[in-house]
Amino acid sequence: MTKPETIRRMADEGWTAIADDGFIDLAGPFFQRGAGADLTFGFPTEAKHHNRRGVLQGGALLTFVDKAFGVAARATTQAELVVTVQLDVHFLDAVQIGELVETRPRVVRATRRLIFMSAELTVGSRAVALANGVWKKVGPAVAAKARVLSD
């Protein structure tokens, strides 16, 4: 399935593609739907995501959860920009190519500068990974520099 076909199919199911013209564009596409506590992220796995065993490459799953946590951290705390400080992922089961991985990140605690997050990644009702991480809110000067670099 081509990227436009995947985006169209996911849109028909209520998902919105996460726009990112950097590495995420190569690694994805990744999707989101809902808002607030109902913000859910989806990753429709494709042939390009396989490892030598023919199942989902672990790094693809890490990239997906890193992006989902970052988007959720900004949406939940209204931070302009956040950066990953720590990300721990425990792989529980293999993901077959063609399966849809979903996650609903939860902000466990947010301080003035740090956001602690947790999530279960699932395929249907099957848990495939557990993730915990810490994100840092960065100040306006760093956010402004990031905007300049992305323009």
N, C-alpha and C. Protein backbone atom coordinates (compact mmCIF):
# COMPACT_ATOMS: atom_id res chain seq x y z
N MET A 1 0.85 -1.18 0.00
CA MET A 1 0.00 0.00 0.00
C MET A 1 0.89 1.24 0.00
N THR A 2 0.55 2.21 -0.82
CA THR A 2 1.34 3.44 -0.88
C THR A 2 1.00 4.34 0.30
N LYS A 3 1.87 5.31 0.55
CA LYS A 3 1.63 6.24 1.64
C LYS A 3 0.30 6.99 1.48
N PRO A 4 -0.01 7.54 0.29
CA PRO A 4 -1.31 8.21 0.14
C PRO A 4 -2.49 7.27 0.40
N GLU A 5 -2.36 6.00 -0.01
CA GLU A 5 -3.44 5.03 0.24
C GLU A 5 -3.60 4.77 1.74
N THR A 6 -2.47 4.64 2.44
CA THR A 6 -2.51 4.43 3.90
C THR A 6 -3.16 5.63 4.58
N ILE A 7 -2.78 6.83 4.19
CA ILE A 7 -3.34 8.05 4.80
C ILE A 7 -4.84 8.12 4.54
N ARG A 8 -5.26 7.80 3.34
CA ARG A 8 -6.69 7.82 2.99
C ARG A 8 -7.48 6.78 3.80
N ARG A 9 -6.92 5.57 3.91
CA ARG A 9 -7.59 4.50 4.66
C ARG A 9 -7.71 4.88 6.14
N MET A 10 -6.62 5.39 6.72
CA MET A 10 -6.65 5.78 8.13
C MET A 10 -7.60 6.96 8.36
N ALA A 11 -7.64 7.91 7.42
CA ALA A 11 -8.55 9.05 7.52
C ALA A 11 -10.00 8.56 7.52
N ASP A 12 -10.28 7.55 6.73
CA ASP A 12 -11.63 6.99 6.70
C ASP A 12 -12.02 6.39 8.05
N GLU A 13 -11.03 6.02 8.85
CA GLU A 13 -11.28 5.45 10.18
C GLU A 13 -11.16 6.50 11.28
N GLY A 14 -11.06 7.79 10.90
CA GLY A 14 -11.04 8.86 11.88
C GLY A 14 -9.67 9.32 12.35
N TRP A 15 -8.61 8.83 11.72
CA TRP A 15 -7.25 9.20 12.10
C TRP A 15 -6.78 10.41 11.29
N THR A 16 -5.87 11.20 11.86
CA THR A 16 -5.22 12.31 11.18
C THR A 16 -3.73 12.02 11.14
N ALA A 17 -3.12 12.15 9.96
CA ALA A 17 -1.68 11.93 9.83
C ALA A 17 -0.92 13.00 10.60
N ILE A 18 0.15 12.61 11.28
CA ILE A 18 1.01 13.55 11.99
C ILE A 18 1.99 14.11 10.96
N ALA A 19 1.90 15.41 10.71
CA ALA A 19 2.76 16.06 9.72
C ALA A 19 4.14 16.31 10.33
N ASP A 20 5.17 15.85 9.63
CA ASP A 20 6.55 16.05 10.06
C ASP A 20 7.42 15.73 8.86
N ASP A 21 8.13 16.74 8.34
CA ASP A 21 8.91 16.50 7.13
C ASP A 21 10.33 16.03 7.40
N GLY A 22 10.64 15.71 8.64
CA GLY A 22 11.97 15.20 8.98
C GLY A 22 11.99 13.68 9.00
N PHE A 23 12.70 13.12 9.96
CA PHE A 23 12.86 11.67 10.07
C PHE A 23 11.52 10.96 10.22
N ILE A 24 10.58 11.58 10.91
CA ILE A 24 9.27 10.95 11.12
C ILE A 24 8.58 10.67 9.79
N ASP A 25 8.78 11.53 8.81
CA ASP A 25 8.21 11.29 7.49
C ASP A 25 8.76 10.01 6.89
N LEU A 26 10.03 9.72 7.11
CA LEU A 26 10.64 8.50 6.61
C LEU A 26 10.20 7.28 7.43
N ALA A 27 10.08 7.45 8.74
CA ALA A 27 9.78 6.34 9.64
C ALA A 27 8.31 5.97 9.65
N GLY A 28 7.42 6.92 9.40
CA GLY A 28 5.99 6.70 9.51
C GLY A 28 5.39 6.12 8.27
N PRO A 29 4.15 6.47 8.02
CA PRO A 29 3.39 7.54 8.67
C PRO A 29 2.81 7.11 10.03
N PHE A 30 2.70 8.10 10.93
CA PHE A 30 2.08 7.94 12.23
C PHE A 30 0.81 8.79 12.26
N PHE A 31 -0.15 8.39 13.09
CA PHE A 31 -1.46 9.04 13.10
C PHE A 31 -1.91 9.32 14.53
N GLN A 32 -2.88 10.24 14.65
CA GLN A 32 -3.49 10.53 15.93
C GLN A 32 -4.98 10.76 15.74
N ARG A 33 -5.72 10.58 16.83
CA ARG A 33 -7.14 10.93 16.85
C ARG A 33 -7.54 11.17 18.30
N GLY A 34 -8.63 11.92 18.45
CA GLY A 34 -9.09 12.26 19.79
C GLY A 34 -8.39 13.49 20.32
N ALA A 35 -8.62 13.77 21.59
CA ALA A 35 -8.01 14.92 22.24
C ALA A 35 -7.93 14.66 23.74
N GLY A 36 -7.08 15.44 24.42
CA GLY A 36 -6.95 15.33 25.86
C GLY A 36 -6.61 13.92 26.31
N ALA A 37 -7.33 13.42 27.31
CA ALA A 37 -7.08 12.08 27.84
C ALA A 37 -7.43 11.00 26.81
N ASP A 38 -8.21 11.35 25.78
CA ASP A 38 -8.57 10.39 24.74
C ASP A 38 -7.65 10.45 23.52
N LEU A 39 -6.55 11.18 23.61
CA LEU A 39 -5.61 11.29 22.50
C LEU A 39 -4.94 9.93 22.28
N THR A 40 -5.17 9.37 21.10
CA THR A 40 -4.65 8.04 20.75
C THR A 40 -3.78 8.15 19.51
N PHE A 41 -2.75 7.34 19.45
CA PHE A 41 -1.82 7.36 18.33
C PHE A 41 -1.81 6.00 17.66
N GLY A 42 -1.69 6.01 16.32
CA GLY A 42 -1.69 4.77 15.55
C GLY A 42 -0.50 4.68 14.61
N PHE A 43 -0.02 3.46 14.44
CA PHE A 43 1.12 3.17 13.57
C PHE A 43 0.79 1.94 12.73
N PRO A 44 0.32 2.17 11.49
CA PRO A 44 0.05 1.04 10.60
C PRO A 44 1.37 0.52 10.02
N THR A 45 1.79 -0.63 10.45
CA THR A 45 3.09 -1.15 10.04
C THR A 45 3.06 -1.61 8.58
N GLU A 46 4.17 -1.37 7.90
CA GLU A 46 4.30 -1.67 6.48
C GLU A 46 5.55 -2.50 6.24
N ALA A 47 5.69 -3.03 5.06
CA ALA A 47 6.85 -3.87 4.70
C ALA A 47 8.17 -3.17 5.00
N LYS A 48 8.24 -1.85 4.81
CA LYS A 48 9.51 -1.14 5.04
C LYS A 48 9.93 -1.15 6.51
N HIS A 49 9.05 -1.53 7.42
CA HIS A 49 9.34 -1.52 8.85
C HIS A 49 9.87 -2.85 9.38
N HIS A 50 10.09 -3.84 8.51
CA HIS A 50 10.47 -5.17 9.01
C HIS A 50 11.95 -5.28 9.37
N ASN A 51 12.23 -6.24 10.24
CA ASN A 51 13.62 -6.57 10.58
C ASN A 51 14.00 -7.86 9.86
N ARG A 52 15.14 -8.43 10.19
CA ARG A 52 15.61 -9.63 9.48
C ARG A 52 14.75 -10.85 9.78
N ARG A 53 13.97 -10.82 10.85
CA ARG A 53 13.06 -11.92 11.17
C ARG A 53 11.71 -11.76 10.47
N GLY A 54 11.50 -10.60 9.82
CA GLY A 54 10.25 -10.38 9.10
C GLY A 54 9.15 -9.78 9.94
N VAL A 55 9.47 -9.37 11.18
CA VAL A 55 8.50 -8.70 12.04
C VAL A 55 8.92 -7.24 12.22
N LEU A 56 8.13 -6.46 12.93
CA LEU A 56 8.42 -5.04 13.10
C LEU A 56 9.78 -4.82 13.77
N GLN A 57 10.60 -3.97 13.18
CA GLN A 57 11.89 -3.57 13.75
C GLN A 57 11.63 -2.80 15.05
N GLY A 58 12.34 -3.16 16.11
CA GLY A 58 12.15 -2.50 17.40
C GLY A 58 12.38 -1.01 17.34
N GLY A 59 13.34 -0.57 16.54
CA GLY A 59 13.60 0.87 16.41
C GLY A 59 12.43 1.64 15.83
N ALA A 60 11.65 0.99 14.96
CA ALA A 60 10.45 1.64 14.41
C ALA A 60 9.43 1.88 15.52
N LEU A 61 9.30 0.90 16.41
CA LEU A 61 8.37 1.04 17.53
C LEU A 61 8.85 2.13 18.50
N LEU A 62 10.16 2.20 18.72
CA LEU A 62 10.72 3.26 19.58
C LEU A 62 10.46 4.64 18.99
N THR A 63 10.66 4.77 17.69
CA THR A 63 10.42 6.06 17.02
C THR A 63 8.95 6.46 17.15
N PHE A 64 8.05 5.50 16.95
CA PHE A 64 6.63 5.77 17.08
C PHE A 64 6.27 6.25 18.48
N VAL A 65 6.70 5.55 19.51
CA VAL A 65 6.33 5.93 20.87
C VAL A 65 6.99 7.25 21.27
N ASP A 66 8.21 7.51 20.79
CA ASP A 66 8.87 8.78 21.08
C ASP A 66 8.05 9.94 20.50
N LYS A 67 7.58 9.80 19.28
CA LYS A 67 6.78 10.85 18.65
C LYS A 67 5.44 11.00 19.37
N ALA A 68 4.80 9.88 19.68
CA ALA A 68 3.50 9.93 20.37
C ALA A 68 3.63 10.62 21.73
N PHE A 69 4.66 10.27 22.49
CA PHE A 69 4.85 10.89 23.80
C PHE A 69 5.12 12.39 23.66
N GLY A 70 5.93 12.78 22.68
CA GLY A 70 6.23 14.20 22.49
C GLY A 70 5.00 15.00 22.14
N VAL A 71 4.18 14.48 21.22
CA VAL A 71 2.94 15.18 20.85
C VAL A 71 2.00 15.26 22.05
N ALA A 72 1.85 14.16 22.77
CA ALA A 72 0.96 14.13 23.93
C ALA A 72 1.46 15.06 25.04
N ALA A 73 2.77 15.11 25.25
CA ALA A 73 3.33 16.00 26.28
C ALA A 73 3.01 17.45 25.98
N ARG A 74 3.18 17.85 24.71
CA ARG A 74 2.87 19.24 24.34
C ARG A 74 1.37 19.51 24.46
N ALA A 75 0.56 18.59 23.99
CA ALA A 75 -0.90 18.79 24.02
C ALA A 75 -1.42 18.86 25.44
N THR A 76 -0.88 18.06 26.32
CA THR A 76 -1.37 17.99 27.70
C THR A 76 -0.92 19.16 28.55
N THR A 77 0.32 19.61 28.35
CA THR A 77 0.88 20.66 29.21
C THR A 77 0.92 22.03 28.56
N GLN A 78 0.55 22.11 27.29
CA GLN A 78 0.60 23.36 26.53
C GLN A 78 2.02 23.89 26.36
N ALA A 79 3.03 23.02 26.53
CA ALA A 79 4.42 23.42 26.30
C ALA A 79 4.62 23.67 24.82
N GLU A 80 5.40 24.69 24.48
CA GLU A 80 5.65 25.00 23.08
C GLU A 80 6.56 23.97 22.43
N LEU A 81 7.55 23.50 23.18
CA LEU A 81 8.50 22.53 22.66
C LEU A 81 8.98 21.66 23.81
N VAL A 82 9.10 20.38 23.54
CA VAL A 82 9.62 19.44 24.53
C VAL A 82 10.70 18.59 23.88
N VAL A 83 11.62 18.07 24.69
CA VAL A 83 12.67 17.18 24.20
C VAL A 83 12.68 15.93 25.08
N THR A 84 13.05 14.83 24.46
CA THR A 84 13.13 13.56 25.18
C THR A 84 14.36 13.56 26.07
N VAL A 85 14.16 13.23 27.35
CA VAL A 85 15.26 13.09 28.30
C VAL A 85 15.57 11.61 28.50
N GLN A 86 14.52 10.82 28.64
CA GLN A 86 14.69 9.38 28.86
C GLN A 86 13.49 8.64 28.27
N LEU A 87 13.75 7.49 27.66
CA LEU A 87 12.69 6.67 27.12
C LEU A 87 13.05 5.21 27.34
N ASP A 88 12.22 4.50 28.10
CA ASP A 88 12.41 3.08 28.35
C ASP A 88 11.27 2.32 27.69
N VAL A 89 11.61 1.31 26.91
CA VAL A 89 10.59 0.49 26.26
C VAL A 89 10.89 -0.98 26.56
N HIS A 90 9.86 -1.68 26.98
CA HIS A 90 9.96 -3.12 27.22
C HIS A 90 9.12 -3.82 26.16
N PHE A 91 9.78 -4.61 25.33
CA PHE A 91 9.09 -5.32 24.26
C PHE A 91 8.46 -6.59 24.83
N LEU A 92 7.16 -6.76 24.59
CA LEU A 92 6.43 -7.90 25.15
C LEU A 92 6.09 -8.96 24.12
N ASP A 93 5.85 -8.55 22.88
CA ASP A 93 5.44 -9.48 21.84
C ASP A 93 5.80 -8.89 20.48
N ALA A 94 6.05 -9.78 19.52
CA ALA A 94 6.38 -9.32 18.17
C ALA A 94 5.16 -8.73 17.50
N VAL A 95 5.40 -7.71 16.68
CA VAL A 95 4.34 -7.10 15.87
C VAL A 95 4.55 -7.58 14.44
N GLN A 96 3.49 -8.14 13.86
CA GLN A 96 3.55 -8.62 12.49
C GLN A 96 3.37 -7.44 11.54
N ILE A 97 4.04 -7.50 10.41
CA ILE A 97 3.88 -6.45 9.40
C ILE A 97 2.42 -6.47 8.94
N GLY A 98 1.84 -5.27 8.85
CA GLY A 98 0.43 -5.13 8.48
C GLY A 98 -0.47 -4.88 9.68
N GLU A 99 0.05 -5.09 10.89
CA GLU A 99 -0.75 -4.83 12.10
C GLU A 99 -0.71 -3.34 12.45
N LEU A 100 -1.76 -2.88 13.10
CA LEU A 100 -1.85 -1.50 13.57
C LEU A 100 -1.49 -1.44 15.05
N VAL A 101 -0.43 -0.72 15.37
CA VAL A 101 -0.02 -0.51 16.75
C VAL A 101 -0.68 0.76 17.24
N GLU A 102 -1.28 0.71 18.43
CA GLU A 102 -1.91 1.89 19.01
C GLU A 102 -1.37 2.14 20.41
N THR A 103 -1.39 3.41 20.81
CA THR A 103 -1.03 3.77 22.17
C THR A 103 -1.77 5.02 22.60
N ARG A 104 -2.01 5.09 23.89
CA ARG A 104 -2.66 6.26 24.49
C ARG A 104 -1.78 6.72 25.65
N PRO A 105 -0.80 7.61 25.36
CA PRO A 105 0.12 8.07 26.42
C PRO A 105 -0.62 8.76 27.56
N ARG A 106 -0.06 8.58 28.74
CA ARG A 106 -0.64 9.19 29.94
C ARG A 106 0.45 10.01 30.64
N VAL A 107 0.12 11.26 30.94
CA VAL A 107 1.03 12.08 31.74
C VAL A 107 0.84 11.65 33.19
N VAL A 108 1.88 11.08 33.75
CA VAL A 108 1.84 10.61 35.13
C VAL A 108 2.01 11.78 36.08
N ARG A 109 2.93 12.68 35.72
CA ARG A 109 3.18 13.88 36.53
C ARG A 109 3.87 14.91 35.66
N ALA A 110 3.51 16.15 35.84
CA ALA A 110 4.18 17.25 35.13
C ALA A 110 4.63 18.26 36.18
N THR A 111 5.91 18.58 36.14
CA THR A 111 6.45 19.63 37.01
C THR A 111 6.66 20.87 36.16
N ARG A 112 7.31 21.86 36.73
CA ARG A 112 7.56 23.09 35.99
C ARG A 112 8.39 22.83 34.73
N ARG A 113 9.31 21.87 34.78
CA ARG A 113 10.20 21.62 33.65
C ARG A 113 10.10 20.20 33.06
N LEU A 114 9.66 19.22 33.85
CA LEU A 114 9.67 17.83 33.39
C LEU A 114 8.27 17.24 33.28
N ILE A 115 8.12 16.32 32.34
CA ILE A 115 6.85 15.62 32.13
C ILE A 115 7.16 14.12 32.15
N PHE A 116 6.54 13.41 33.08
CA PHE A 116 6.74 11.97 33.23
C PHE A 116 5.56 11.27 32.58
N MET A 117 5.86 10.32 31.68
CA MET A 117 4.80 9.69 30.89
C MET A 117 4.90 8.17 30.92
N SER A 118 3.76 7.54 30.62
CA SER A 118 3.68 6.09 30.60
C SER A 118 2.64 5.67 29.56
N ALA A 119 2.83 4.48 28.97
CA ALA A 119 1.83 3.97 28.01
C ALA A 119 2.04 2.49 27.77
N GLU A 120 0.97 1.86 27.36
CA GLU A 120 1.00 0.50 26.86
C GLU A 120 0.78 0.59 25.35
N LEU A 121 1.55 -0.15 24.58
CA LEU A 121 1.37 -0.20 23.14
C LEU A 121 0.68 -1.52 22.82
N THR A 122 -0.38 -1.44 22.03
CA THR A 122 -1.19 -2.62 21.77
C THR A 122 -1.44 -2.84 20.29
N VAL A 123 -1.73 -4.07 19.96
CA VAL A 123 -2.28 -4.46 18.66
C VAL A 123 -3.59 -5.14 19.01
N GLY A 124 -4.70 -4.47 18.74
CA GLY A 124 -5.99 -4.98 19.21
C GLY A 124 -5.98 -5.02 20.73
N SER A 125 -6.27 -6.17 21.30
CA SER A 125 -6.26 -6.30 22.76
C SER A 125 -4.94 -6.86 23.28
N ARG A 126 -3.97 -7.11 22.38
CA ARG A 126 -2.68 -7.70 22.74
C ARG A 126 -1.66 -6.62 23.07
N ALA A 127 -1.10 -6.66 24.27
CA ALA A 127 -0.03 -5.74 24.65
C ALA A 127 1.26 -6.18 23.96
N VAL A 128 1.92 -5.25 23.25
CA VAL A 128 3.17 -5.58 22.56
C VAL A 128 4.37 -4.87 23.17
N ALA A 129 4.15 -3.81 23.95
CA ALA A 129 5.25 -3.11 24.60
C ALA A 129 4.70 -2.22 25.72
N LEU A 130 5.57 -1.93 26.67
CA LEU A 130 5.30 -0.96 27.72
C LEU A 130 6.35 0.13 27.60
N ALA A 131 5.96 1.39 27.78
CA ALA A 131 6.91 2.50 27.65
C ALA A 131 6.73 3.48 28.79
N ASN A 132 7.85 4.01 29.26
CA ASN A 132 7.89 5.07 30.26
C ASN A 132 8.94 6.06 29.80
N GLY A 133 8.70 7.34 30.05
CA GLY A 133 9.68 8.32 29.63
C GLY A 133 9.55 9.64 30.36
N VAL A 134 10.56 10.45 30.16
CA VAL A 134 10.62 11.78 30.75
C VAL A 134 10.92 12.77 29.62
N TRP A 135 10.12 13.83 29.57
CA TRP A 135 10.31 14.91 28.59
C TRP A 135 10.57 16.19 29.33
N LYS A 136 11.36 17.06 28.72
CA LYS A 136 11.70 18.35 29.32
C LYS A 136 11.08 19.45 28.49
N LYS A 137 10.43 20.38 29.17
CA LYS A 137 9.92 21.58 28.51
C LYS A 137 11.12 22.49 28.28
N VAL A 138 11.25 23.01 27.07
CA VAL A 138 12.37 23.91 26.79
C VAL A 138 11.84 25.33 26.65
N GLY A 139 12.71 26.28 26.96
CA GLY A 139 12.32 27.68 26.99
C GLY A 139 12.11 28.30 25.63
N PRO A 140 11.62 29.53 25.61
CA PRO A 140 11.32 30.23 24.37
C PRO A 140 12.52 30.40 23.45
N ALA A 141 13.72 30.60 24.01
CA ALA A 141 14.90 30.79 23.15
C ALA A 141 15.19 29.51 22.37
N VAL A 142 15.09 28.36 23.02
CA VAL A 142 15.34 27.09 22.33
C VAL A 142 14.24 26.82 21.32
N ALA A 143 13.00 27.11 21.70
CA ALA A 143 11.87 26.92 20.79
C ALA A 143 12.02 27.81 19.55
N ALA A 144 12.45 29.06 19.74
CA ALA A 144 12.63 29.97 18.62
C ALA A 144 13.72 29.46 17.68
N LYS A 145 14.83 28.95 18.25
CA LYS A 145 15.92 28.42 17.44
C LYS A 145 15.43 27.20 16.65
N ALA A 146 14.62 26.35 17.28
CA ALA A 146 14.08 25.16 16.59
C ALA A 146 13.20 25.57 15.43
N ARG A 147 12.41 26.62 15.60
CA ARG A 147 11.56 27.10 14.51
C ARG A 147 12.39 27.59 13.34
N VAL A 148 13.48 28.30 13.63
CA VAL A 148 14.36 28.81 12.58
C VAL A 148 14.99 27.65 11.82
N LEU A 149 15.42 26.61 12.53
CA LEU A 149 16.06 25.47 11.89
C LEU A 149 15.08 24.70 11.04
N SER A 150 13.81 24.70 11.39
CA SER A 150 12.82 23.93 10.62
C SER A 150 12.26 24.70 9.44
N ASP A 151 12.49 26.01 9.38
CA ASP A 151 11.98 26.82 8.27
C ASP A 151 12.82 26.68 7.02
